């Protein structure tokens, strides 16, 4: 009975982890490397065979900028993350850009503000 209860809870978490990984266009191996875990562990999470522990949840939260509640499948957090996903992706792109690109983006944004 305890196993069945875990399967239901793990499936929500499993879906969220897979969705997060796929949204970032990462393989299981790249996702695992980013959070310092093994690919086989990520595969087990996504299959619902295992559930991430607190340290793993913190790593996901820190590396991908999503709250633990999102990874655990809290519906309100899922909606909030979905609404802000494009902004998070743009911010990640900006942060990973070189300084010339960042300065160009900031300049373009400042032009838009001066017209308001």
C-alpha atoms as a PDB file:
ATOM      1  CA  UNK A   1       0.000   0.000   0.000  1.00  0.00           C
ATOM      2  CA  UNK A   2       2.831   2.380   0.784  1.00  0.00           C
ATOM      3  CA  UNK A   3       4.259   1.709  -2.700  1.00  0.00           C
ATOM      4  CA  UNK A   4       0.974   2.618  -4.443  1.00  0.00           C
ATOM      5  CA  UNK A   5       0.790   5.871  -2.491  1.00  0.00           C
ATOM      6  CA  UNK A   6       4.357   6.707  -3.523  1.00  0.00           C
ATOM      7  CA  UNK A   7       3.629   5.914  -7.168  1.00  0.00           C
ATOM      8  CA  UNK A   8       0.823   8.492  -7.246  1.00  0.00           C
ATOM      9  CA  UNK A   9       2.951  11.164  -5.568  1.00  0.00           C
ATOM     10  CA  UNK A  10       5.998  10.293  -7.654  1.00  0.00           C
ATOM     11  CA  UNK A  11       4.103  10.515 -10.934  1.00  0.00           C
ATOM     12  CA  UNK A  12       3.303  14.182 -10.389  1.00  0.00           C
ATOM     13  CA  UNK A  13       6.902  14.880  -9.506  1.00  0.00           C
ATOM     14  CA  UNK A  14       8.045  12.670 -12.387  1.00  0.00           C
ATOM     15  CA  UNK A  15       5.976  14.659 -14.866  1.00  0.00           C
ATOM     16  CA  UNK A  16       7.249  17.981 -13.554  1.00  0.00           C
ATOM     17  CA  UNK A  17      10.893  16.927 -13.758  1.00  0.00           C
ATOM     18  CA  UNK A  18      10.458  15.650 -17.297  1.00  0.00           C
ATOM     19  CA  UNK A  19       8.569  18.806 -18.325  1.00  0.00           C
ATOM     20  CA  UNK A  20      11.251  21.032 -16.818  1.00  0.00           C
ATOM     21  CA  UNK A  21      14.018  19.087 -18.549  1.00  0.00           C
ATOM     22  CA  UNK A  22      12.262  19.043 -21.918  1.00  0.00           C
ATOM     23  CA  UNK A  23      11.339  22.737 -21.670  1.00  0.00           C
ATOM     24  CA  UNK A  24      15.056  23.481 -21.373  1.00  0.00           C
ATOM     25  CA  UNK A  25      15.797  21.128 -24.312  1.00  0.00           C
ATOM     26  CA  UNK A  26      18.111  19.038 -22.167  1.00  0.00           C
ATOM     27  CA  UNK A  27      18.867  15.343 -22.360  1.00  0.00           C
ATOM     28  CA  UNK A  28      18.591  13.350 -19.154  1.00  0.00           C
ATOM     29  CA  UNK A  29      22.385  13.291 -19.082  1.00  0.00           C
ATOM     30  CA  UNK A  30      22.737  17.082 -19.422  1.00  0.00           C
ATOM     31  CA  UNK A  31      20.030  17.669 -16.800  1.00  0.00           C
ATOM     32  CA  UNK A  32      21.740  15.238 -14.418  1.00  0.00           C
ATOM     33  CA  UNK A  33      25.126  16.873 -14.962  1.00  0.00           C
ATOM     34  CA  UNK A  34      23.661  20.337 -14.280  1.00  0.00           C
ATOM     35  CA  UNK A  35      22.372  19.252 -10.866  1.00  0.00           C
ATOM     36  CA  UNK A  36      25.253  16.940  -9.998  1.00  0.00           C
ATOM     37  CA  UNK A  37      23.356  13.650 -10.186  1.00  0.00           C
ATOM     38  CA  UNK A  38      23.502  10.571 -12.424  1.00  0.00           C
ATOM     39  CA  UNK A  39      21.489  10.094 -15.606  1.00  0.00           C
ATOM     40  CA  UNK A  40      20.089   6.842 -14.255  1.00  0.00           C
ATOM     41  CA  UNK A  41      18.757   8.666 -11.186  1.00  0.00           C
ATOM     42  CA  UNK A  42      17.037  11.286 -13.357  1.00  0.00           C
ATOM     43  CA  UNK A  43      15.555   8.453 -15.440  1.00  0.00           C
ATOM     44  CA  UNK A  44      14.253   6.800 -12.251  1.00  0.00           C
ATOM     45  CA  UNK A  45      12.651  10.100 -11.148  1.00  0.00           C
ATOM     46  CA  UNK A  46      10.976  10.565 -14.525  1.00  0.00           C
ATOM     47  CA  UNK A  47       9.691   6.985 -14.488  1.00  0.00           C
ATOM     48  CA  UNK A  48       8.289   7.471 -10.984  1.00  0.00           C
ATOM     49  CA  UNK A  49      10.451   4.705  -9.530  1.00  0.00           C
ATOM     50  CA  UNK A  50      12.214   7.115  -7.185  1.00  0.00           C
ATOM     51  CA  UNK A  51      11.477  10.534  -5.772  1.00  0.00           C
ATOM     52  CA  UNK A  52      14.125  13.252  -5.462  1.00  0.00           C
ATOM     53  CA  UNK A  53      15.350  14.017  -1.963  1.00  0.00           C
ATOM     54  CA  UNK A  54      15.604  17.466  -0.433  1.00  0.00           C
ATOM     55  CA  UNK A  55      19.187  18.023  -1.663  1.00  0.00           C
ATOM     56  CA  UNK A  56      18.196  17.113  -5.213  1.00  0.00           C
ATOM     57  CA  UNK A  57      15.150  19.373  -5.053  1.00  0.00           C
ATOM     58  CA  UNK A  58      17.349  22.224  -3.831  1.00  0.00           C
ATOM     59  CA  UNK A  59      19.779  21.629  -6.703  1.00  0.00           C
ATOM     60  CA  UNK A  60      16.928  21.713  -9.235  1.00  0.00           C
ATOM     61  CA  UNK A  61      15.558  24.846  -7.588  1.00  0.00           C
ATOM     62  CA  UNK A  62      18.954  26.578  -7.633  1.00  0.00           C
ATOM     63  CA  UNK A  63      20.072  25.559 -11.135  1.00  0.00           C
ATOM     64  CA  UNK A  64      16.762  25.984 -12.959  1.00  0.00           C
ATOM     65  CA  UNK A  65      15.188  28.765 -10.920  1.00  0.00           C
ATOM     66  CA  UNK A  66      11.990  26.923 -10.076  1.00  0.00           C
ATOM     67  CA  UNK A  67      10.558  26.486  -6.576  1.00  0.00           C
ATOM     68  CA  UNK A  68      10.434  23.050  -4.968  1.00  0.00           C
ATOM     69  CA  UNK A  69       6.644  23.269  -4.968  1.00  0.00           C
ATOM     70  CA  UNK A  70       6.716  23.360  -8.780  1.00  0.00           C
ATOM     71  CA  UNK A  71       8.863  20.231  -8.979  1.00  0.00           C
ATOM     72  CA  UNK A  72       6.537  18.509  -6.509  1.00  0.00           C
ATOM     73  CA  UNK A  73       3.534  19.381  -8.692  1.00  0.00           C
ATOM     74  CA  UNK A  74       1.776  22.157  -6.731  1.00  0.00           C
ATOM     75  CA  UNK A  75      -0.886  23.303  -9.228  1.00  0.00           C
ATOM     76  CA  UNK A  76      -0.653  26.987  -8.332  1.00  0.00           C
ATOM     77  CA  UNK A  77       3.115  26.941  -8.775  1.00  0.00           C
ATOM     78  CA  UNK A  78       2.762  25.087 -12.087  1.00  0.00           C
ATOM     79  CA  UNK A  79       0.443  27.819 -13.414  1.00  0.00           C
ATOM     80  CA  UNK A  80       2.738  30.598 -12.198  1.00  0.00           C
ATOM     81  CA  UNK A  81       5.777  28.937 -13.757  1.00  0.00           C
ATOM     82  CA  UNK A  82       3.963  28.355 -17.053  1.00  0.00           C
ATOM     83  CA  UNK A  83       2.970  32.015 -17.206  1.00  0.00           C
ATOM     84  CA  UNK A  84       6.523  33.147 -16.522  1.00  0.00           C
ATOM     85  CA  UNK A  85       8.337  30.489 -18.569  1.00  0.00           C
ATOM     86  CA  UNK A  86       9.006  32.772 -21.536  1.00  0.00           C
ATOM     87  CA  UNK A  87      10.433  35.459 -19.255  1.00  0.00           C
ATOM     88  CA  UNK A  88      12.686  32.939 -17.524  1.00  0.00           C
ATOM     89  CA  UNK A  89      13.928  31.647 -20.887  1.00  0.00           C
ATOM     90  CA  UNK A  90      14.665  35.182 -22.096  1.00  0.00           C
ATOM     91  CA  UNK A  91      16.492  35.975 -18.875  1.00  0.00           C
ATOM     92  CA  UNK A  92      18.571  32.797 -19.197  1.00  0.00           C
ATOM     93  CA  UNK A  93      19.430  33.732 -22.784  1.00  0.00           C
ATOM     94  CA  UNK A  94      20.419  37.236 -21.716  1.00  0.00           C
ATOM     95  CA  UNK A  95      22.612  35.970 -18.886  1.00  0.00           C
ATOM     96  CA  UNK A  96      24.410  33.506 -21.158  1.00  0.00           C
ATOM     97  CA  UNK A  97      25.022  36.099 -23.899  1.00  0.00           C
ATOM     98  CA  UNK A  98      28.354  37.835 -24.340  1.00  0.00           C
ATOM     99  CA  UNK A  99      28.769  41.392 -23.076  1.00  0.00           C
ATOM    100  CA  UNK A 100      28.370  42.973 -26.538  1.00  0.00           C
ATOM    101  CA  UNK A 101      25.008  41.275 -27.005  1.00  0.00           C
ATOM    102  CA  UNK A 102      23.901  42.186 -23.488  1.00  0.00           C
ATOM    103  CA  UNK A 103      24.809  45.830 -24.043  1.00  0.00           C
ATOM    104  CA  UNK A 104      22.951  45.847 -27.370  1.00  0.00           C
ATOM    105  CA  UNK A 105      19.822  44.436 -25.735  1.00  0.00           C
ATOM    106  CA  UNK A 106      20.025  46.975 -22.916  1.00  0.00           C
ATOM    107  CA  UNK A 107      20.429  49.781 -25.456  1.00  0.00           C
ATOM    108  CA  UNK A 108      17.381  48.620 -27.440  1.00  0.00           C
ATOM    109  CA  UNK A 109      15.339  48.391 -24.257  1.00  0.00           C
ATOM    110  CA  UNK A 110      16.366  51.906 -23.246  1.00  0.00           C
ATOM    111  CA  UNK A 111      15.173  53.216 -26.628  1.00  0.00           C
ATOM    112  CA  UNK A 112      11.730  51.784 -25.941  1.00  0.00           C
ATOM    113  CA  UNK A 113      11.584  53.504 -22.549  1.00  0.00           C
ATOM    114  CA  UNK A 114      12.464  56.916 -23.945  1.00  0.00           C
ATOM    115  CA  UNK A 115       9.450  56.774 -26.309  1.00  0.00           C
ATOM    116  CA  UNK A 116       6.968  56.227 -23.440  1.00  0.00           C
END
